[in-house]
Amino acid sequence: MSLPPRTSHRKPAAPRRVAKAPPAAPRLILFNKPFDVLTQFSDGDGRATLKDYIDVPGVYPAGRLDRDSEGLLLLTNDGQLQARIADPKHKLAKTYWVQVEGEPGEEQLQRLRQGVELNDGMTLPAEARRLEEPELWPRNPPVRFRKNIPTYWLELVIKEGRNRQVRRMTAAVGLPTLRLVRVRIGEWSIEGLDQGQWKEVAAKL
């Protein structure tokens, strides 16, 4: 005669509650990106990336800056802040200093101000003016100039973020870009930052 199986009258243990870590405080970093540096933290081909300059965990670029362009790049760990900076619908003004080949005339500047027809449509009106040669760090490698063709600097302010937009705009009016430096995004600028340097500021927009 077999005995009935023993039963336990203990209450099942309540599931353990795992405390959620508090969200990381928003961070915002201003970085003066050198020429020939990718706006990402890794690259399988051994090219220079943000990792070579910035050792801050959890941040990522808010927007892009082409490898062959220099200047201000914003990085954050906050998704909402990243979207507000990078999303064109917020129309955050971006200021560029552009070294172009050829002498800009008033007609060319006016075309930039009114909007230029590109292969992906008309650009929004921009601010454009001649600029005295700014005091900048030397580019490495140096810009290649063509003999007997003058170069001038422009300041261009746009509120869009199309791929290689500034270069395409200047080319469309007959002024090829030789050097492109982004100096300001909204209220943030590279003032006081040498190339390759970064600093952290209050994360607010």
N, C-alpha and C. Protein backbone atom coordinates (compact mmCIF):
# COMPACT_ATOMS: atom_id res chain seq x y z
N MET A 1 0.85 -1.19 0.00
CA MET A 1 0.00 0.00 0.00
C MET A 1 0.89 1.24 0.00
N SER A 2 0.72 2.08 -1.02
CA SER A 2 1.58 3.27 -1.16
C SER A 2 0.97 4.45 -0.43
N LEU A 3 1.86 5.26 0.13
CA LEU A 3 1.41 6.45 0.84
C LEU A 3 1.10 7.58 -0.13
N PRO A 4 0.13 8.43 0.20
CA PRO A 4 -0.18 9.56 -0.69
C PRO A 4 0.99 10.54 -0.72
N PRO A 5 1.20 11.20 -1.81
CA PRO A 5 2.32 12.15 -1.89
C PRO A 5 2.15 13.27 -0.88
N ARG A 6 3.28 13.68 -0.34
CA ARG A 6 3.26 14.76 0.64
C ARG A 6 3.01 16.09 -0.06
N THR A 7 2.22 16.91 0.52
CA THR A 7 1.92 18.23 -0.05
C THR A 7 2.46 19.29 0.87
N SER A 8 2.88 20.38 0.30
CA SER A 8 3.40 21.49 1.09
C SER A 8 2.34 22.57 1.19
N HIS A 9 2.22 23.15 2.38
CA HIS A 9 1.25 24.22 2.60
C HIS A 9 1.91 25.59 2.63
N ARG A 10 3.20 25.63 2.24
CA ARG A 10 3.87 26.93 2.22
C ARG A 10 3.35 27.79 1.07
N LYS A 11 3.24 29.07 1.34
CA LYS A 11 2.85 29.99 0.27
C LYS A 11 4.01 30.19 -0.69
N PRO A 12 3.70 30.27 -1.98
CA PRO A 12 4.80 30.51 -2.93
C PRO A 12 5.49 31.84 -2.63
N ALA A 13 6.79 31.83 -2.83
CA ALA A 13 7.56 33.04 -2.55
C ALA A 13 7.16 34.15 -3.52
N ALA A 14 7.03 35.33 -2.97
CA ALA A 14 6.69 36.47 -3.82
C ALA A 14 7.87 36.78 -4.75
N PRO A 15 7.58 37.15 -5.99
CA PRO A 15 8.69 37.47 -6.91
C PRO A 15 9.52 38.63 -6.37
N ARG A 16 10.82 38.49 -6.53
CA ARG A 16 11.71 39.53 -6.04
C ARG A 16 11.64 40.76 -6.94
N ARG A 17 11.55 41.88 -6.34
CA ARG A 17 11.51 43.12 -7.10
C ARG A 17 12.93 43.62 -7.32
N VAL A 18 13.23 43.88 -8.55
CA VAL A 18 14.56 44.40 -8.90
C VAL A 18 14.44 45.92 -9.02
N ALA A 19 15.19 46.60 -8.22
CA ALA A 19 15.13 48.06 -8.26
C ALA A 19 15.69 48.57 -9.58
N LYS A 20 14.94 49.46 -10.21
CA LYS A 20 15.40 50.05 -11.46
C LYS A 20 16.41 51.16 -11.18
N ALA A 21 17.45 51.13 -11.97
CA ALA A 21 18.45 52.18 -11.81
C ALA A 21 17.86 53.51 -12.27
N PRO A 22 18.11 54.58 -11.57
CA PRO A 22 17.59 55.88 -12.00
C PRO A 22 18.18 56.26 -13.36
N PRO A 23 17.40 56.93 -14.20
CA PRO A 23 17.93 57.32 -15.51
C PRO A 23 19.14 58.23 -15.37
N ALA A 24 20.06 58.05 -16.29
CA ALA A 24 21.27 58.88 -16.25
C ALA A 24 20.91 60.34 -16.50
N ALA A 25 21.58 61.21 -15.81
CA ALA A 25 21.32 62.64 -16.00
C ALA A 25 21.72 63.03 -17.42
N PRO A 26 20.93 63.90 -18.06
CA PRO A 26 21.28 64.33 -19.42
C PRO A 26 22.65 65.00 -19.47
N ARG A 27 23.41 64.67 -20.50
CA ARG A 27 24.73 65.27 -20.69
C ARG A 27 24.80 65.83 -22.10
N LEU A 28 25.56 66.91 -22.24
CA LEU A 28 25.75 67.53 -23.55
C LEU A 28 27.22 67.93 -23.69
N ILE A 29 27.83 67.47 -24.75
CA ILE A 29 29.25 67.71 -25.00
C ILE A 29 29.42 68.48 -26.30
N LEU A 30 30.26 69.51 -26.26
CA LEU A 30 30.65 70.28 -27.44
C LEU A 30 32.04 69.82 -27.85
N PHE A 31 32.18 69.40 -29.10
CA PHE A 31 33.45 68.87 -29.60
C PHE A 31 33.84 69.59 -30.87
N ASN A 32 35.09 70.02 -30.94
CA ASN A 32 35.62 70.64 -32.15
C ASN A 32 36.29 69.54 -32.98
N LYS A 33 35.55 69.00 -33.92
CA LYS A 33 36.00 67.85 -34.69
C LYS A 33 37.07 68.24 -35.71
N PRO A 34 38.21 67.56 -35.68
CA PRO A 34 39.23 67.83 -36.70
C PRO A 34 38.84 67.26 -38.07
N PHE A 35 39.52 67.71 -39.07
CA PHE A 35 39.39 67.16 -40.43
C PHE A 35 39.74 65.67 -40.41
N ASP A 36 39.06 64.89 -41.23
CA ASP A 36 39.36 63.47 -41.46
C ASP A 36 39.01 62.58 -40.26
N VAL A 37 38.08 63.02 -39.42
CA VAL A 37 37.61 62.21 -38.30
C VAL A 37 36.15 61.85 -38.55
N LEU A 38 35.81 60.57 -38.41
CA LEU A 38 34.44 60.12 -38.61
C LEU A 38 33.58 60.46 -37.39
N THR A 39 32.32 60.79 -37.62
CA THR A 39 31.42 61.12 -36.51
C THR A 39 30.74 59.84 -36.00
N GLN A 40 31.57 58.90 -35.59
CA GLN A 40 31.12 57.65 -34.98
C GLN A 40 32.25 57.15 -34.08
N PHE A 41 31.93 56.15 -33.24
CA PHE A 41 32.90 55.72 -32.24
C PHE A 41 33.69 54.47 -32.64
N SER A 42 33.41 53.89 -33.80
CA SER A 42 34.17 52.73 -34.23
C SER A 42 34.24 52.71 -35.75
N ASP A 43 35.27 52.05 -36.25
CA ASP A 43 35.43 51.93 -37.70
C ASP A 43 36.31 50.71 -37.98
N GLY A 44 35.82 49.85 -38.84
CA GLY A 44 36.56 48.62 -39.14
C GLY A 44 37.77 48.82 -40.01
N ASP A 45 37.91 50.01 -40.58
CA ASP A 45 39.03 50.26 -41.50
C ASP A 45 40.17 51.03 -40.84
N GLY A 46 40.10 51.22 -39.54
CA GLY A 46 41.20 51.86 -38.84
C GLY A 46 41.27 53.37 -38.99
N ARG A 47 40.18 54.00 -39.45
CA ARG A 47 40.19 55.45 -39.59
C ARG A 47 39.92 56.13 -38.25
N ALA A 48 40.29 57.39 -38.15
CA ALA A 48 40.10 58.13 -36.90
C ALA A 48 38.61 58.30 -36.61
N THR A 49 38.23 58.11 -35.35
CA THR A 49 36.83 58.24 -34.94
C THR A 49 36.75 59.08 -33.66
N LEU A 50 35.54 59.28 -33.19
CA LEU A 50 35.33 60.04 -31.96
C LEU A 50 36.01 59.38 -30.76
N LYS A 51 36.16 58.06 -30.81
CA LYS A 51 36.78 57.34 -29.70
C LYS A 51 38.21 57.80 -29.45
N ASP A 52 38.86 58.31 -30.48
CA ASP A 52 40.24 58.77 -30.33
C ASP A 52 40.32 60.08 -29.55
N TYR A 53 39.18 60.73 -29.32
CA TYR A 53 39.18 62.04 -28.67
C TYR A 53 38.30 62.12 -27.43
N ILE A 54 37.21 61.35 -27.42
CA ILE A 54 36.20 61.51 -26.36
C ILE A 54 36.05 60.20 -25.60
N ASP A 55 36.32 60.23 -24.30
CA ASP A 55 36.19 59.04 -23.45
C ASP A 55 35.07 59.28 -22.44
N VAL A 56 33.86 59.40 -22.98
CA VAL A 56 32.68 59.62 -22.15
C VAL A 56 31.66 58.53 -22.50
N PRO A 57 31.34 57.63 -21.57
CA PRO A 57 30.43 56.53 -21.92
C PRO A 57 29.00 57.01 -22.13
N GLY A 58 28.32 56.37 -23.09
CA GLY A 58 26.89 56.57 -23.26
C GLY A 58 26.46 57.75 -24.10
N VAL A 59 27.40 58.54 -24.63
CA VAL A 59 27.00 59.67 -25.47
C VAL A 59 27.12 59.29 -26.95
N TYR A 60 26.36 59.98 -27.78
CA TYR A 60 26.39 59.73 -29.21
C TYR A 60 26.10 61.04 -29.93
N PRO A 61 26.51 61.15 -31.20
CA PRO A 61 26.37 62.43 -31.91
C PRO A 61 24.91 62.82 -32.11
N ALA A 62 24.65 64.10 -31.95
CA ALA A 62 23.34 64.68 -32.28
C ALA A 62 23.50 65.35 -33.64
N GLY A 63 23.24 64.59 -34.69
CA GLY A 63 23.51 65.09 -36.04
C GLY A 63 24.85 64.60 -36.53
N ARG A 64 25.21 65.05 -37.73
CA ARG A 64 26.43 64.58 -38.35
C ARG A 64 27.29 65.76 -38.77
N LEU A 65 28.54 65.44 -39.04
CA LEU A 65 29.47 66.39 -39.65
C LEU A 65 30.39 65.55 -40.52
N ASP A 66 30.44 65.86 -41.80
CA ASP A 66 31.17 65.02 -42.74
C ASP A 66 32.62 64.83 -42.32
N ARG A 67 33.18 63.73 -42.76
CA ARG A 67 34.57 63.41 -42.44
C ARG A 67 35.52 64.52 -42.89
N ASP A 68 35.24 65.14 -44.04
CA ASP A 68 36.13 66.17 -44.57
C ASP A 68 35.73 67.57 -44.13
N SER A 69 34.84 67.67 -43.15
CA SER A 69 34.47 68.96 -42.57
C SER A 69 34.99 69.03 -41.14
N GLU A 70 35.09 70.25 -40.62
CA GLU A 70 35.64 70.47 -39.29
C GLU A 70 34.63 71.24 -38.44
N GLY A 71 34.93 71.31 -37.14
CA GLY A 71 34.16 72.19 -36.29
C GLY A 71 33.20 71.51 -35.35
N LEU A 72 32.15 72.24 -34.99
CA LEU A 72 31.29 71.89 -33.86
C LEU A 72 30.45 70.64 -34.13
N LEU A 73 30.57 69.70 -33.20
CA LEU A 73 29.71 68.51 -33.17
C LEU A 73 29.18 68.39 -31.75
N LEU A 74 27.88 68.17 -31.62
CA LEU A 74 27.25 68.00 -30.31
C LEU A 74 27.03 66.52 -30.05
N LEU A 75 27.29 66.10 -28.82
CA LEU A 75 27.04 64.73 -28.41
C LEU A 75 26.23 64.73 -27.12
N THR A 76 25.33 63.75 -26.99
CA THR A 76 24.48 63.69 -25.81
C THR A 76 24.13 62.24 -25.51
N ASN A 77 23.68 62.00 -24.28
CA ASN A 77 23.15 60.69 -23.90
C ASN A 77 21.63 60.71 -23.80
N ASP A 78 21.01 61.82 -24.19
CA ASP A 78 19.58 62.02 -24.03
C ASP A 78 18.89 61.97 -25.39
N GLY A 79 18.00 61.00 -25.57
CA GLY A 79 17.36 60.81 -26.86
C GLY A 79 16.48 61.99 -27.27
N GLN A 80 15.75 62.57 -26.33
CA GLN A 80 14.89 63.70 -26.68
C GLN A 80 15.72 64.91 -27.10
N LEU A 81 16.81 65.16 -26.37
CA LEU A 81 17.68 66.28 -26.73
C LEU A 81 18.33 66.04 -28.08
N GLN A 82 18.74 64.81 -28.31
CA GLN A 82 19.35 64.47 -29.60
C GLN A 82 18.38 64.74 -30.74
N ALA A 83 17.12 64.35 -30.57
CA ALA A 83 16.13 64.54 -31.62
C ALA A 83 15.86 66.02 -31.87
N ARG A 84 15.80 66.81 -30.81
CA ARG A 84 15.51 68.24 -30.97
C ARG A 84 16.67 68.97 -31.66
N ILE A 85 17.89 68.50 -31.43
CA ILE A 85 19.05 69.11 -32.07
C ILE A 85 19.13 68.70 -33.54
N ALA A 86 18.92 67.40 -33.80
CA ALA A 86 19.18 66.86 -35.12
C ALA A 86 18.00 66.96 -36.08
N ASP A 87 16.78 67.00 -35.57
CA ASP A 87 15.61 66.96 -36.44
C ASP A 87 15.43 68.30 -37.16
N PRO A 88 15.42 68.28 -38.51
CA PRO A 88 15.30 69.53 -39.26
C PRO A 88 14.02 70.32 -38.96
N LYS A 89 12.97 69.65 -38.46
CA LYS A 89 11.71 70.37 -38.23
C LYS A 89 11.86 71.43 -37.14
N HIS A 90 12.88 71.30 -36.31
CA HIS A 90 13.10 72.30 -35.27
C HIS A 90 13.90 73.50 -35.80
N LYS A 91 14.45 73.35 -37.02
CA LYS A 91 15.11 74.47 -37.72
C LYS A 91 16.14 75.19 -36.84
N LEU A 92 16.99 74.40 -36.23
CA LEU A 92 18.07 74.97 -35.42
C LEU A 92 19.14 75.52 -36.36
N ALA A 93 19.43 76.80 -36.24
CA ALA A 93 20.36 77.45 -37.16
C ALA A 93 21.77 76.89 -36.98
N LYS A 94 22.43 76.62 -38.09
CA LYS A 94 23.82 76.14 -38.08
C LYS A 94 24.66 77.12 -38.89
N THR A 95 25.75 77.59 -38.29
CA THR A 95 26.61 78.60 -38.92
C THR A 95 27.91 77.96 -39.37
N TYR A 96 28.26 78.21 -40.63
CA TYR A 96 29.47 77.65 -41.23
C TYR A 96 30.37 78.76 -41.76
N TRP A 97 31.68 78.57 -41.61
CA TRP A 97 32.66 79.38 -42.30
C TRP A 97 33.20 78.55 -43.44
N VAL A 98 33.09 79.08 -44.64
CA VAL A 98 33.35 78.30 -45.84
C VAL A 98 34.42 78.99 -46.69
N GLN A 99 35.51 78.31 -46.93
CA GLN A 99 36.52 78.82 -47.85
C GLN A 99 36.19 78.30 -49.24
N VAL A 100 35.98 79.22 -50.17
CA VAL A 100 35.56 78.83 -51.52
C VAL A 100 36.60 79.25 -52.54
N GLU A 101 36.55 78.57 -53.66
CA GLU A 101 37.44 78.89 -54.78
C GLU A 101 36.72 79.88 -55.70
N GLY A 102 37.35 81.01 -55.95
CA GLY A 102 36.73 82.05 -56.75
C GLY A 102 36.25 83.19 -55.87
N GLU A 103 35.96 84.32 -56.52
CA GLU A 103 35.52 85.51 -55.78
C GLU A 103 34.00 85.60 -55.78
N PRO A 104 33.36 85.57 -54.60
CA PRO A 104 31.90 85.63 -54.55
C PRO A 104 31.39 87.02 -54.94
N GLY A 105 30.49 87.05 -55.89
CA GLY A 105 29.84 88.30 -56.26
C GLY A 105 28.51 88.45 -55.55
N GLU A 106 27.94 89.65 -55.62
CA GLU A 106 26.66 89.89 -54.94
C GLU A 106 25.56 89.02 -55.51
N GLU A 107 25.60 88.74 -56.81
CA GLU A 107 24.57 87.90 -57.42
C GLU A 107 24.62 86.47 -56.85
N GLN A 108 25.83 85.95 -56.67
CA GLN A 108 25.96 84.61 -56.10
C GLN A 108 25.49 84.57 -54.65
N LEU A 109 25.84 85.60 -53.89
CA LEU A 109 25.39 85.65 -52.50
C LEU A 109 23.87 85.73 -52.42
N GLN A 110 23.28 86.49 -53.33
CA GLN A 110 21.83 86.64 -53.33
C GLN A 110 21.14 85.32 -53.66
N ARG A 111 21.74 84.55 -54.55
CA ARG A 111 21.17 83.24 -54.87
C ARG A 111 21.20 82.33 -53.64
N LEU A 112 22.28 82.37 -52.88
CA LEU A 112 22.36 81.57 -51.66
C LEU A 112 21.31 82.02 -50.65
N ARG A 113 21.10 83.33 -50.57
CA ARG A 113 20.12 83.87 -49.62
C ARG A 113 18.69 83.47 -49.98
N GLN A 114 18.41 83.42 -51.27
CA GLN A 114 17.04 83.13 -51.71
C GLN A 114 16.74 81.64 -51.73
N GLY A 115 17.77 80.80 -51.83
CA GLY A 115 17.58 79.36 -51.97
C GLY A 115 18.13 78.88 -53.30
N VAL A 116 18.75 77.73 -53.27
CA VAL A 116 19.43 77.19 -54.45
C VAL A 116 18.76 75.89 -54.85
N GLU A 117 18.57 75.69 -56.14
CA GLU A 117 17.98 74.46 -56.65
C GLU A 117 19.05 73.37 -56.68
N LEU A 118 18.84 72.32 -55.87
CA LEU A 118 19.74 71.16 -55.86
C LEU A 118 19.00 69.96 -56.43
N ASN A 119 19.71 68.84 -56.56
CA ASN A 119 19.05 67.68 -57.17
C ASN A 119 17.98 67.07 -56.28
N ASP A 120 17.93 67.46 -55.00
CA ASP A 120 16.87 67.00 -54.11
C ASP A 120 15.92 68.14 -53.73
N GLY A 121 15.87 69.16 -54.57
CA GLY A 121 14.91 70.23 -54.36
C GLY A 121 15.55 71.55 -53.97
N MET A 122 14.71 72.56 -53.85
CA MET A 122 15.15 73.91 -53.51
C MET A 122 15.50 73.98 -52.02
N THR A 123 16.61 74.64 -51.71
CA THR A 123 16.98 74.83 -50.31
C THR A 123 16.17 75.98 -49.72
N LEU A 124 16.09 76.01 -48.41
CA LEU A 124 15.47 77.14 -47.74
C LEU A 124 16.37 78.36 -47.86
N PRO A 125 15.81 79.56 -47.75
CA PRO A 125 16.65 80.76 -47.74
C PRO A 125 17.72 80.66 -46.65
N ALA A 126 18.90 81.17 -46.95
CA ALA A 126 20.03 81.13 -46.02
C ALA A 126 20.56 82.53 -45.80
N GLU A 127 21.34 82.69 -44.76
CA GLU A 127 22.10 83.92 -44.57
C GLU A 127 23.47 83.71 -45.19
N ALA A 128 23.93 84.66 -45.99
CA ALA A 128 25.22 84.51 -46.65
C ALA A 128 25.90 85.87 -46.74
N ARG A 129 27.18 85.90 -46.36
CA ARG A 129 27.94 87.14 -46.47
C ARG A 129 29.41 86.83 -46.63
N ARG A 130 30.14 87.78 -47.20
CA ARG A 130 31.59 87.67 -47.28
C ARG A 130 32.18 87.79 -45.89
N LEU A 131 33.33 87.14 -45.68
CA LEU A 131 33.95 87.10 -44.36
C LEU A 131 35.44 87.35 -44.52
N GLU A 132 35.97 88.19 -43.65
CA GLU A 132 37.43 88.32 -43.61
C GLU A 132 38.01 86.97 -43.19
N GLU A 133 39.22 86.68 -43.66
CA GLU A 133 39.80 85.38 -43.35
C GLU A 133 39.87 85.18 -41.83
N PRO A 134 39.19 84.16 -41.31
CA PRO A 134 39.14 83.97 -39.86
C PRO A 134 40.44 83.37 -39.33
N GLU A 135 40.67 83.59 -38.04
CA GLU A 135 41.83 82.99 -37.39
C GLU A 135 41.46 81.57 -36.96
N LEU A 136 41.95 80.61 -37.71
CA LEU A 136 41.65 79.21 -37.44
C LEU A 136 42.94 78.42 -37.30
N TRP A 137 42.84 77.26 -36.70
CA TRP A 137 43.95 76.33 -36.62
C TRP A 137 44.31 75.88 -38.04
N PRO A 138 45.57 75.54 -38.30
CA PRO A 138 45.93 75.03 -39.62
C PRO A 138 45.31 73.66 -39.86
N ARG A 139 44.81 73.45 -41.05
CA ARG A 139 44.22 72.14 -41.35
C ARG A 139 45.32 71.14 -41.67
N ASN A 140 45.11 69.90 -41.25
CA ASN A 140 46.07 68.83 -41.52
C ASN A 140 45.33 67.66 -42.18
N PRO A 141 45.61 67.40 -43.49
CA PRO A 141 46.59 68.05 -44.36
C PRO A 141 46.10 69.42 -44.84
N PRO A 142 47.02 70.25 -45.32
CA PRO A 142 46.62 71.58 -45.79
C PRO A 142 45.69 71.50 -47.00
N VAL A 143 44.92 72.57 -47.19
CA VAL A 143 44.04 72.67 -48.36
C VAL A 143 44.89 72.80 -49.62
N ARG A 144 44.47 72.14 -50.66
CA ARG A 144 45.17 72.25 -51.95
C ARG A 144 44.59 73.42 -52.74
N PHE A 145 45.43 74.37 -53.06
CA PHE A 145 44.99 75.54 -53.82
C PHE A 145 45.46 75.41 -55.26
N ARG A 146 44.70 76.06 -56.15
CA ARG A 146 45.12 76.13 -57.56
C ARG A 146 45.74 77.49 -57.82
N LYS A 147 46.84 77.48 -58.49
CA LYS A 147 47.55 78.73 -58.78
C LYS A 147 46.65 79.66 -59.59
N ASN A 148 46.79 80.95 -59.31
CA ASN A 148 46.09 82.01 -60.06
C ASN A 148 44.58 82.01 -59.87
N ILE A 149 44.06 81.21 -58.94
CA ILE A 149 42.62 81.26 -58.64
C ILE A 149 42.47 81.70 -57.19
N PRO A 150 41.86 82.86 -56.94
CA PRO A 150 41.76 83.37 -55.57
C PRO A 150 40.78 82.56 -54.74
N THR A 151 40.95 82.63 -53.45
CA THR A 151 39.99 82.00 -52.54
C THR A 151 39.46 83.06 -51.57
N TYR A 152 38.23 82.87 -51.15
CA TYR A 152 37.57 83.80 -50.23
C TYR A 152 36.80 82.99 -49.19
N TRP A 153 36.45 83.67 -48.11
CA TRP A 153 35.67 83.04 -47.04
C TRP A 153 34.25 83.61 -47.03
N LEU A 154 33.31 82.72 -46.78
CA LEU A 154 31.91 83.09 -46.61
C LEU A 154 31.43 82.63 -45.23
N GLU A 155 30.45 83.33 -44.70
CA GLU A 155 29.69 82.83 -43.55
C GLU A 155 28.31 82.47 -44.05
N LEU A 156 27.92 81.22 -43.83
CA LEU A 156 26.65 80.71 -44.32
C LEU A 156 25.87 80.15 -43.14
N VAL A 157 24.61 80.59 -42.98
CA VAL A 157 23.75 80.12 -41.90
C VAL A 157 22.54 79.43 -42.54
N ILE A 158 22.37 78.16 -42.23
CA ILE A 158 21.26 77.39 -42.79
C ILE A 158 20.45 76.76 -41.66
N LYS A 159 19.23 76.35 -41.99
CA LYS A 159 18.35 75.72 -41.00
C LYS A 159 17.87 74.36 -41.49
N GLU A 160 18.68 73.74 -42.32
CA GLU A 160 18.40 72.40 -42.83
C GLU A 160 19.59 71.51 -42.51
N GLY A 161 19.47 70.24 -42.87
CA GLY A 161 20.58 69.32 -42.63
C GLY A 161 20.71 68.27 -43.72
N ARG A 162 20.60 68.70 -44.97
CA ARG A 162 20.74 67.73 -46.06
C ARG A 162 22.19 67.27 -46.18
N ASN A 163 22.35 66.12 -46.82
CA ASN A 163 23.67 65.55 -47.00
C ASN A 163 24.57 66.50 -47.80
N ARG A 164 25.70 66.88 -47.22
CA ARG A 164 26.71 67.73 -47.85
C ARG A 164 26.08 68.99 -48.45
N GLN A 165 25.12 69.55 -47.73
CA GLN A 165 24.32 70.65 -48.27
C GLN A 165 25.14 71.90 -48.58
N VAL A 166 25.99 72.34 -47.65
CA VAL A 166 26.73 73.57 -47.88
C VAL A 166 27.64 73.44 -49.10
N ARG A 167 28.33 72.32 -49.22
CA ARG A 167 29.20 72.10 -50.37
C ARG A 167 28.41 72.13 -51.67
N ARG A 168 27.23 71.54 -51.66
CA ARG A 168 26.42 71.52 -52.88
C ARG A 168 25.87 72.90 -53.19
N MET A 169 25.54 73.66 -52.16
CA MET A 169 25.01 75.01 -52.39
C MET A 169 26.07 75.91 -53.02
N THR A 170 27.28 75.91 -52.47
CA THR A 170 28.31 76.79 -53.02
C THR A 170 28.69 76.34 -54.43
N ALA A 171 28.74 75.03 -54.66
CA ALA A 171 29.06 74.54 -56.01
C ALA A 171 28.00 74.96 -57.01
N ALA A 172 26.73 74.99 -56.58
CA ALA A 172 25.64 75.34 -57.48
C ALA A 172 25.71 76.79 -57.95
N VAL A 173 26.38 77.65 -57.18
CA VAL A 173 26.51 79.05 -57.60
C VAL A 173 27.93 79.34 -58.12
N GLY A 174 28.68 78.26 -58.42
CA GLY A 174 29.99 78.43 -59.04
C GLY A 174 31.12 78.72 -58.09
N LEU A 175 30.98 78.33 -56.82
CA LEU A 175 32.02 78.59 -55.82
C LEU A 175 32.34 77.29 -55.08
N PRO A 176 33.20 76.45 -55.64
CA PRO A 176 33.51 75.17 -54.99
C PRO A 176 34.10 75.38 -53.59
N THR A 177 33.66 74.56 -52.65
CA THR A 177 34.15 74.63 -51.28
C THR A 177 35.50 73.95 -51.16
N LEU A 178 36.46 74.64 -50.55
CA LEU A 178 37.77 74.08 -50.27
C LEU A 178 37.90 73.64 -48.81
N ARG A 179 37.31 74.41 -47.92
CA ARG A 179 37.38 74.10 -46.49
C ARG A 179 36.07 74.49 -45.85
N LEU A 180 35.58 73.65 -44.96
CA LEU A 180 34.28 73.88 -44.34
C LEU A 180 34.39 73.67 -42.83
N VAL A 181 34.04 74.71 -42.07
CA VAL A 181 34.13 74.67 -40.60
C VAL A 181 32.79 75.09 -40.02
N ARG A 182 32.16 74.22 -39.23
CA ARG A 182 30.92 74.60 -38.55
C ARG A 182 31.30 75.24 -37.22
N VAL A 183 30.86 76.47 -37.03
CA VAL A 183 31.28 77.22 -35.84
C VAL A 183 30.17 77.37 -34.81
N ARG A 184 28.92 77.12 -35.21
CA ARG A 184 27.82 77.33 -34.26
C ARG A 184 26.62 76.46 -34.62
N ILE A 185 25.95 75.95 -33.58
CA ILE A 185 24.66 75.28 -33.72
C ILE A 185 23.75 75.88 -32.67
N GLY A 186 22.72 76.60 -33.09
CA GLY A 186 21.86 77.27 -32.13
C GLY A 186 22.67 78.21 -31.25
N GLU A 187 22.61 78.02 -29.95
CA GLU A 187 23.32 78.90 -29.01
C GLU A 187 24.73 78.39 -28.70
N TRP A 188 25.10 77.21 -29.20
CA TRP A 188 26.40 76.62 -28.87
C TRP A 188 27.42 76.92 -29.96
N SER A 189 28.67 77.16 -29.57
CA SER A 189 29.72 77.47 -30.53
C SER A 189 31.03 76.80 -30.13
N ILE A 190 32.00 76.84 -31.03
CA ILE A 190 33.32 76.27 -30.74
C ILE A 190 34.25 77.29 -30.10
N GLU A 191 33.73 78.43 -29.72
CA GLU A 191 34.58 79.46 -29.13
C GLU A 191 35.34 78.89 -27.94
N GLY A 192 36.64 79.09 -27.94
CA GLY A 192 37.49 78.61 -26.85
C GLY A 192 37.93 77.17 -26.98
N LEU A 193 37.50 76.46 -28.02
CA LEU A 193 37.88 75.07 -28.23
C LEU A 193 38.84 74.96 -29.41
N ASP A 194 40.02 74.45 -29.16
CA ASP A 194 40.94 74.16 -30.25
C ASP A 194 40.50 72.85 -30.91
N GLN A 195 41.05 72.55 -32.08
CA GLN A 195 40.64 71.33 -32.75
C GLN A 195 40.98 70.11 -31.89
N GLY A 196 40.05 69.16 -31.85
CA GLY A 196 40.24 67.97 -31.05
C GLY A 196 39.86 68.12 -29.59
N GLN A 197 39.48 69.31 -29.16
CA GLN A 197 39.11 69.54 -27.76
C GLN A 197 37.59 69.46 -27.60
N TRP A 198 37.15 69.13 -26.37
CA TRP A 198 35.72 69.11 -26.07
C TRP A 198 35.50 69.63 -24.66
N LYS A 199 34.26 70.03 -24.41
CA LYS A 199 33.85 70.43 -23.07
C LYS A 199 32.40 70.08 -22.85
N GLU A 200 32.03 69.94 -21.57
CA GLU A 200 30.65 69.60 -21.24
C GLU A 200 29.92 70.86 -20.78
N VAL A 201 28.68 71.02 -21.24
CA VAL A 201 27.87 72.18 -20.88
C VAL A 201 26.53 71.70 -20.37
N ALA A 202 25.71 72.61 -19.87
CA ALA A 202 24.39 72.26 -19.37
C ALA A 202 23.55 71.68 -20.49
N ALA A 203 22.90 70.56 -20.23
CA ALA A 203 22.11 69.87 -21.25
C ALA A 203 20.71 70.43 -21.31
N LYS A 204 20.55 71.52 -22.02
CA LYS A 204 19.23 72.12 -22.17
C LYS A 204 19.15 72.75 -23.56
N LEU A 205 17.93 72.89 -24.04
CA LEU A 205 17.71 73.45 -25.38
C LEU A 205 16.70 74.59 -25.26
